[in-house]
Amino acid sequence: MTVTKAIYQGKGRVEATHVRSAITIKTDAGKAVGGLGENQNPVELLGNALAACALTMMGLQAERGGVDFSGCYAEVGQIEEDMEAFVVTRIPITFHLKASFDDKQRKKFEYIAHKTCFVGNTLTAKKDFTFVYE
């Protein structure tokens, strides 16, 4: 069963549609490599997937424990790549969580982000996570 249908549009652009929801996203190669550079590139999308996965796992665990995780968010920084080996080497993400979380909750959420995210567990790139409690 197809989950996503991705179609190359030309000039480094791909249009990918999630079949079940019909939501479409576009990615572009950067202008430096001949792409249009108007949309996220696939590497940035990878960083988004990591941030979303970690937030999802933390949020689900919080909800199971009766903790309100809504409003927590993540910011993905500049992803580092090795252009000779064609690999992502580092993905920096800053997680902004609630100051009201106690020390036990903080440790649990940080553990969840580092150890229970399917995307993160699949990647070999350094996952450079920072947690800000505000």
N, C-alpha and C. Protein backbone atom coordinates (compact mmCIF):
# COMPACT_ATOMS: atom_id res chain seq x y z
N MET A 1 0.83 -1.18 0.00
CA MET A 1 0.00 0.00 0.00
C MET A 1 0.88 1.25 0.00
N THR A 2 0.61 2.17 -0.87
CA THR A 2 1.38 3.40 -0.98
C THR A 2 1.00 4.37 0.13
N VAL A 3 2.00 4.92 0.80
CA VAL A 3 1.78 5.91 1.85
C VAL A 3 1.96 7.32 1.29
N THR A 4 3.02 7.52 0.53
CA THR A 4 3.31 8.81 -0.08
C THR A 4 3.68 8.61 -1.53
N LYS A 5 3.20 9.49 -2.39
CA LYS A 5 3.59 9.46 -3.79
C LYS A 5 4.40 10.72 -4.04
N ALA A 6 5.67 10.54 -4.42
CA ALA A 6 6.59 11.65 -4.68
C ALA A 6 6.89 11.71 -6.17
N ILE A 7 6.71 12.91 -6.75
CA ILE A 7 6.90 13.09 -8.19
C ILE A 7 7.94 14.19 -8.42
N TYR A 8 8.96 13.85 -9.21
CA TYR A 8 9.97 14.85 -9.56
C TYR A 8 9.36 15.83 -10.55
N GLN A 9 9.47 17.12 -10.25
CA GLN A 9 8.86 18.17 -11.07
C GLN A 9 9.86 18.86 -12.02
N GLY A 10 11.15 18.64 -11.79
CA GLY A 10 12.19 19.32 -12.57
C GLY A 10 12.87 20.40 -11.74
N LYS A 11 14.09 20.76 -12.13
CA LYS A 11 14.89 21.79 -11.45
C LYS A 11 15.05 21.54 -9.96
N GLY A 12 15.16 20.25 -9.59
CA GLY A 12 15.41 19.89 -8.19
C GLY A 12 14.20 19.91 -7.30
N ARG A 13 13.02 20.04 -7.84
CA ARG A 13 11.79 20.09 -7.04
C ARG A 13 11.08 18.73 -7.07
N VAL A 14 10.61 18.33 -5.88
CA VAL A 14 9.80 17.13 -5.74
C VAL A 14 8.51 17.52 -5.02
N GLU A 15 7.41 16.99 -5.53
CA GLU A 15 6.11 17.20 -4.89
C GLU A 15 5.67 15.85 -4.33
N ALA A 16 5.49 15.80 -3.02
CA ALA A 16 5.14 14.55 -2.35
C ALA A 16 3.77 14.69 -1.71
N THR A 17 2.89 13.76 -2.02
CA THR A 17 1.53 13.78 -1.48
C THR A 17 1.30 12.57 -0.59
N HIS A 18 0.86 12.85 0.62
CA HIS A 18 0.46 11.80 1.56
C HIS A 18 -0.89 11.29 1.08
N VAL A 19 -0.95 10.03 0.71
CA VAL A 19 -2.14 9.48 0.05
C VAL A 19 -3.39 9.58 0.92
N ARG A 20 -3.31 9.19 2.18
CA ARG A 20 -4.50 9.16 3.04
C ARG A 20 -5.08 10.54 3.29
N SER A 21 -4.23 11.55 3.52
CA SER A 21 -4.73 12.90 3.85
C SER A 21 -4.78 13.82 2.65
N ALA A 22 -4.12 13.45 1.57
CA ALA A 22 -4.01 14.27 0.36
C ALA A 22 -3.23 15.57 0.60
N ILE A 23 -2.45 15.63 1.68
CA ILE A 23 -1.61 16.80 1.95
C ILE A 23 -0.33 16.68 1.13
N THR A 24 0.02 17.76 0.45
CA THR A 24 1.18 17.77 -0.42
C THR A 24 2.24 18.73 0.12
N ILE A 25 3.49 18.29 0.07
CA ILE A 25 4.61 19.17 0.39
C ILE A 25 5.55 19.17 -0.81
N LYS A 26 6.28 20.27 -0.93
CA LYS A 26 7.27 20.39 -2.00
C LYS A 26 8.63 20.58 -1.36
N THR A 27 9.63 19.95 -1.96
CA THR A 27 11.01 20.18 -1.56
C THR A 27 11.78 20.67 -2.78
N ASP A 28 12.79 21.46 -2.50
CA ASP A 28 13.65 21.99 -3.57
C ASP A 28 15.11 21.75 -3.23
N ALA A 29 15.89 21.46 -4.25
CA ALA A 29 17.34 21.53 -4.08
C ALA A 29 17.69 23.01 -3.98
N GLY A 30 18.80 23.30 -3.31
CA GLY A 30 19.24 24.68 -3.17
C GLY A 30 19.70 25.29 -4.48
N LYS A 31 19.67 26.61 -4.55
CA LYS A 31 20.10 27.31 -5.76
C LYS A 31 21.56 27.03 -6.09
N ALA A 32 22.38 26.81 -5.05
CA ALA A 32 23.81 26.58 -5.26
C ALA A 32 24.08 25.31 -6.07
N VAL A 33 23.14 24.38 -6.05
CA VAL A 33 23.32 23.13 -6.81
C VAL A 33 22.38 23.04 -7.99
N GLY A 34 21.78 24.16 -8.37
CA GLY A 34 20.94 24.20 -9.56
C GLY A 34 19.45 24.07 -9.31
N GLY A 35 19.07 24.02 -8.05
CA GLY A 35 17.65 23.91 -7.73
C GLY A 35 16.99 25.27 -7.62
N LEU A 36 15.70 25.26 -7.36
CA LEU A 36 14.94 26.50 -7.24
C LEU A 36 15.13 27.19 -5.89
N GLY A 37 15.38 26.41 -4.83
CA GLY A 37 15.65 26.97 -3.51
C GLY A 37 14.48 27.71 -2.88
N GLU A 38 13.26 27.43 -3.32
CA GLU A 38 12.09 28.15 -2.79
C GLU A 38 11.44 27.43 -1.61
N ASN A 39 11.58 26.13 -1.54
CA ASN A 39 10.99 25.33 -0.47
C ASN A 39 12.09 24.66 0.35
N GLN A 40 11.69 24.00 1.42
CA GLN A 40 12.66 23.24 2.19
C GLN A 40 13.35 22.24 1.30
N ASN A 41 14.60 21.94 1.66
CA ASN A 41 15.26 20.86 0.94
C ASN A 41 15.02 19.56 1.72
N PRO A 42 15.29 18.42 1.12
CA PRO A 42 15.02 17.16 1.80
C PRO A 42 15.77 16.99 3.13
N VAL A 43 16.96 17.56 3.23
CA VAL A 43 17.72 17.46 4.48
C VAL A 43 17.01 18.23 5.59
N GLU A 44 16.49 19.40 5.27
CA GLU A 44 15.73 20.16 6.27
C GLU A 44 14.48 19.41 6.69
N LEU A 45 13.86 18.74 5.74
CA LEU A 45 12.69 17.92 6.04
C LEU A 45 13.05 16.77 6.98
N LEU A 46 14.24 16.23 6.83
CA LEU A 46 14.73 15.20 7.73
C LEU A 46 14.83 15.74 9.16
N GLY A 47 15.36 16.95 9.31
CA GLY A 47 15.43 17.58 10.63
C GLY A 47 14.05 17.79 11.22
N ASN A 48 13.10 18.19 10.38
CA ASN A 48 11.72 18.37 10.84
C ASN A 48 11.13 17.04 11.31
N ALA A 49 11.42 15.98 10.58
CA ALA A 49 10.92 14.66 10.96
C ALA A 49 11.47 14.24 12.32
N LEU A 50 12.73 14.52 12.56
CA LEU A 50 13.33 14.19 13.84
C LEU A 50 12.69 14.99 14.97
N ALA A 51 12.52 16.29 14.76
CA ALA A 51 11.89 17.13 15.78
C ALA A 51 10.45 16.69 16.05
N ALA A 52 9.70 16.42 14.99
CA ALA A 52 8.30 16.00 15.15
C ALA A 52 8.20 14.66 15.86
N CYS A 53 9.09 13.74 15.53
CA CYS A 53 9.07 12.42 16.16
C CYS A 53 9.35 12.54 17.66
N ALA A 54 10.38 13.28 18.02
CA ALA A 54 10.73 13.43 19.43
C ALA A 54 9.60 14.12 20.20
N LEU A 55 9.03 15.19 19.62
CA LEU A 55 7.92 15.88 20.28
C LEU A 55 6.71 14.95 20.43
N THR A 56 6.43 14.17 19.39
CA THR A 56 5.32 13.23 19.44
C THR A 56 5.49 12.23 20.58
N MET A 57 6.66 11.64 20.68
CA MET A 57 6.91 10.64 21.71
C MET A 57 6.84 11.26 23.11
N MET A 58 7.41 12.45 23.28
CA MET A 58 7.34 13.13 24.58
C MET A 58 5.89 13.47 24.92
N GLY A 59 5.16 14.01 23.93
CA GLY A 59 3.79 14.41 24.16
C GLY A 59 2.88 13.24 24.51
N LEU A 60 3.04 12.14 23.80
CA LEU A 60 2.21 10.96 24.09
C LEU A 60 2.48 10.44 25.50
N GLN A 61 3.76 10.41 25.89
CA GLN A 61 4.10 9.94 27.23
C GLN A 61 3.56 10.88 28.29
N ALA A 62 3.64 12.18 28.02
CA ALA A 62 3.10 13.17 28.96
C ALA A 62 1.61 12.96 29.14
N GLU A 63 0.90 12.81 28.04
CA GLU A 63 -0.56 12.63 28.10
C GLU A 63 -0.94 11.36 28.86
N ARG A 64 -0.17 10.30 28.67
CA ARG A 64 -0.43 9.06 29.42
C ARG A 64 -0.33 9.29 30.92
N GLY A 65 0.54 10.21 31.31
CA GLY A 65 0.73 10.52 32.73
C GLY A 65 -0.12 11.67 33.21
N GLY A 66 -1.04 12.15 32.37
CA GLY A 66 -1.91 13.25 32.78
C GLY A 66 -1.24 14.61 32.79
N VAL A 67 -0.13 14.73 32.06
CA VAL A 67 0.62 15.99 32.01
C VAL A 67 0.30 16.73 30.72
N ASP A 68 0.03 18.01 30.82
CA ASP A 68 -0.27 18.84 29.64
C ASP A 68 1.04 19.22 28.94
N PHE A 69 1.24 18.72 27.75
CA PHE A 69 2.45 18.98 26.97
C PHE A 69 2.18 19.98 25.84
N SER A 70 0.93 20.41 25.70
CA SER A 70 0.57 21.31 24.60
C SER A 70 1.36 22.61 24.70
N GLY A 71 1.73 23.14 23.55
CA GLY A 71 2.49 24.38 23.49
C GLY A 71 3.99 24.18 23.48
N CYS A 72 4.45 23.00 23.85
CA CYS A 72 5.89 22.72 23.77
C CYS A 72 6.27 22.67 22.29
N TYR A 73 7.47 23.13 21.96
CA TYR A 73 7.85 23.17 20.56
C TYR A 73 9.35 22.95 20.39
N ALA A 74 9.75 22.77 19.15
CA ALA A 74 11.16 22.55 18.82
C ALA A 74 11.57 23.46 17.67
N GLU A 75 12.81 23.87 17.70
CA GLU A 75 13.40 24.65 16.61
C GLU A 75 14.59 23.88 16.05
N VAL A 76 14.54 23.60 14.76
CA VAL A 76 15.63 22.89 14.10
C VAL A 76 16.62 23.93 13.59
N GLY A 77 17.88 23.76 13.94
CA GLY A 77 18.92 24.69 13.50
C GLY A 77 19.52 24.28 12.17
N GLN A 78 20.65 24.87 11.86
CA GLN A 78 21.34 24.59 10.59
C GLN A 78 21.94 23.19 10.64
N ILE A 79 21.47 22.35 9.77
CA ILE A 79 21.92 20.96 9.72
C ILE A 79 23.27 20.90 9.01
N GLU A 80 24.18 20.13 9.58
CA GLU A 80 25.52 20.01 8.99
C GLU A 80 25.61 18.77 8.12
N GLU A 81 26.29 18.93 6.99
CA GLU A 81 26.43 17.85 6.03
C GLU A 81 27.88 17.69 5.64
N ASP A 82 28.27 16.47 5.31
CA ASP A 82 29.57 16.20 4.73
C ASP A 82 29.34 16.07 3.23
N MET A 83 29.76 17.09 2.49
CA MET A 83 29.47 17.15 1.05
C MET A 83 30.29 16.14 0.24
N GLU A 84 31.37 15.64 0.82
CA GLU A 84 32.16 14.63 0.10
C GLU A 84 31.58 13.23 0.28
N ALA A 85 31.08 12.96 1.49
CA ALA A 85 30.51 11.63 1.77
C ALA A 85 29.00 11.60 1.52
N PHE A 86 28.39 12.76 1.28
CA PHE A 86 26.95 12.87 1.06
C PHE A 86 26.16 12.29 2.25
N VAL A 87 26.51 12.76 3.46
CA VAL A 87 25.81 12.34 4.66
C VAL A 87 25.53 13.56 5.54
N VAL A 88 24.46 13.48 6.31
CA VAL A 88 24.17 14.46 7.33
C VAL A 88 25.00 14.08 8.55
N THR A 89 25.74 15.04 9.10
CA THR A 89 26.60 14.73 10.23
C THR A 89 26.07 15.23 11.57
N ARG A 90 25.22 16.27 11.55
CA ARG A 90 24.73 16.84 12.81
C ARG A 90 23.39 17.53 12.59
N ILE A 91 22.45 17.25 13.50
CA ILE A 91 21.13 17.90 13.46
C ILE A 91 20.91 18.58 14.81
N PRO A 92 21.02 19.91 14.86
CA PRO A 92 20.79 20.62 16.11
C PRO A 92 19.30 20.96 16.29
N ILE A 93 18.76 20.61 17.43
CA ILE A 93 17.36 20.92 17.73
C ILE A 93 17.28 21.46 19.15
N THR A 94 16.59 22.57 19.30
CA THR A 94 16.31 23.12 20.62
C THR A 94 14.85 22.86 20.95
N PHE A 95 14.63 22.15 22.03
CA PHE A 95 13.28 21.86 22.51
C PHE A 95 12.91 22.88 23.57
N HIS A 96 11.78 23.51 23.40
CA HIS A 96 11.27 24.50 24.37
C HIS A 96 10.12 23.85 25.12
N LEU A 97 10.40 23.52 26.38
CA LEU A 97 9.43 22.83 27.22
C LEU A 97 9.04 23.73 28.39
N LYS A 98 8.01 23.33 29.11
CA LYS A 98 7.46 24.17 30.17
C LYS A 98 8.36 24.21 31.41
N ALA A 99 8.53 25.41 31.95
CA ALA A 99 9.32 25.59 33.16
C ALA A 99 8.67 24.86 34.34
N SER A 100 7.37 24.63 34.26
CA SER A 100 6.65 23.97 35.36
C SER A 100 6.95 22.48 35.47
N PHE A 101 7.61 21.89 34.47
CA PHE A 101 7.97 20.48 34.57
C PHE A 101 9.02 20.32 35.67
N ASP A 102 8.78 19.35 36.56
CA ASP A 102 9.74 19.14 37.65
C ASP A 102 10.95 18.35 37.13
N ASP A 103 11.95 18.19 37.98
CA ASP A 103 13.20 17.55 37.57
C ASP A 103 12.98 16.13 37.05
N LYS A 104 12.09 15.38 37.70
CA LYS A 104 11.80 14.01 37.27
C LYS A 104 11.19 14.01 35.87
N GLN A 105 10.24 14.91 35.62
CA GLN A 105 9.61 15.00 34.30
C GLN A 105 10.64 15.41 33.25
N ARG A 106 11.47 16.37 33.58
CA ARG A 106 12.50 16.84 32.63
C ARG A 106 13.41 15.71 32.20
N LYS A 107 13.91 14.96 33.18
CA LYS A 107 14.79 13.83 32.87
C LYS A 107 14.08 12.81 31.99
N LYS A 108 12.80 12.56 32.29
CA LYS A 108 12.02 11.60 31.51
C LYS A 108 11.85 12.07 30.07
N PHE A 109 11.48 13.35 29.88
CA PHE A 109 11.29 13.87 28.54
C PHE A 109 12.59 13.87 27.74
N GLU A 110 13.69 14.21 28.38
CA GLU A 110 14.98 14.22 27.69
C GLU A 110 15.38 12.80 27.28
N TYR A 111 15.13 11.85 28.17
CA TYR A 111 15.41 10.46 27.83
C TYR A 111 14.57 10.01 26.64
N ILE A 112 13.29 10.35 26.68
CA ILE A 112 12.37 9.97 25.59
C ILE A 112 12.86 10.54 24.26
N ALA A 113 13.24 11.81 24.25
CA ALA A 113 13.72 12.44 23.01
C ALA A 113 14.94 11.73 22.46
N HIS A 114 15.84 11.36 23.35
CA HIS A 114 17.09 10.72 22.92
C HIS A 114 16.95 9.25 22.58
N LYS A 115 16.03 8.54 23.23
CA LYS A 115 16.04 7.07 23.13
C LYS A 115 14.81 6.42 22.52
N THR A 116 13.67 7.13 22.42
CA THR A 116 12.46 6.44 21.97
C THR A 116 11.91 6.94 20.65
N CYS A 117 12.62 7.82 19.98
CA CYS A 117 12.17 8.36 18.70
C CYS A 117 12.64 7.44 17.57
N PHE A 118 11.70 6.92 16.81
CA PHE A 118 12.04 6.01 15.71
C PHE A 118 12.97 6.67 14.69
N VAL A 119 12.70 7.93 14.37
CA VAL A 119 13.53 8.64 13.39
C VAL A 119 14.94 8.79 13.95
N GLY A 120 15.03 9.26 15.18
CA GLY A 120 16.34 9.46 15.81
C GLY A 120 17.13 8.17 15.94
N ASN A 121 16.45 7.09 16.29
CA ASN A 121 17.13 5.81 16.44
C ASN A 121 17.61 5.25 15.12
N THR A 122 17.06 5.74 14.03
CA THR A 122 17.44 5.27 12.70
C THR A 122 18.65 6.04 12.14
N LEU A 123 18.81 7.27 12.59
CA LEU A 123 19.85 8.14 12.04
C LEU A 123 21.22 7.91 12.69
N THR A 124 22.27 8.04 11.89
CA THR A 124 23.63 7.98 12.43
C THR A 124 24.19 9.37 12.69
N ALA A 125 23.55 10.41 12.18
CA ALA A 125 24.01 11.78 12.41
C ALA A 125 23.94 12.11 13.89
N LYS A 126 24.80 13.01 14.35
CA LYS A 126 24.76 13.45 15.74
C LYS A 126 23.47 14.22 15.97
N LYS A 127 22.73 13.79 16.97
CA LYS A 127 21.50 14.48 17.35
C LYS A 127 21.85 15.41 18.49
N ASP A 128 22.04 16.69 18.17
CA ASP A 128 22.50 17.70 19.13
C ASP A 128 21.29 18.39 19.74
N PHE A 129 20.77 17.82 20.81
CA PHE A 129 19.55 18.31 21.43
C PHE A 129 19.87 19.26 22.59
N THR A 130 19.16 20.37 22.63
CA THR A 130 19.21 21.31 23.74
C THR A 130 17.80 21.44 24.28
N PHE A 131 17.67 21.44 25.60
CA PHE A 131 16.36 21.56 26.23
C PHE A 131 16.31 22.86 27.02
N VAL A 132 15.33 23.69 26.69
CA VAL A 132 15.13 24.97 27.36
C VAL A 132 13.79 24.89 28.08
N TYR A 133 13.81 25.21 29.36
CA TYR A 133 12.57 25.17 30.15
C TYR A 133 12.17 26.60 30.45
N GLU A 134 11.04 26.99 29.86
CA GLU A 134 10.60 28.39 30.01
C GLU A 134 9.10 28.48 30.20
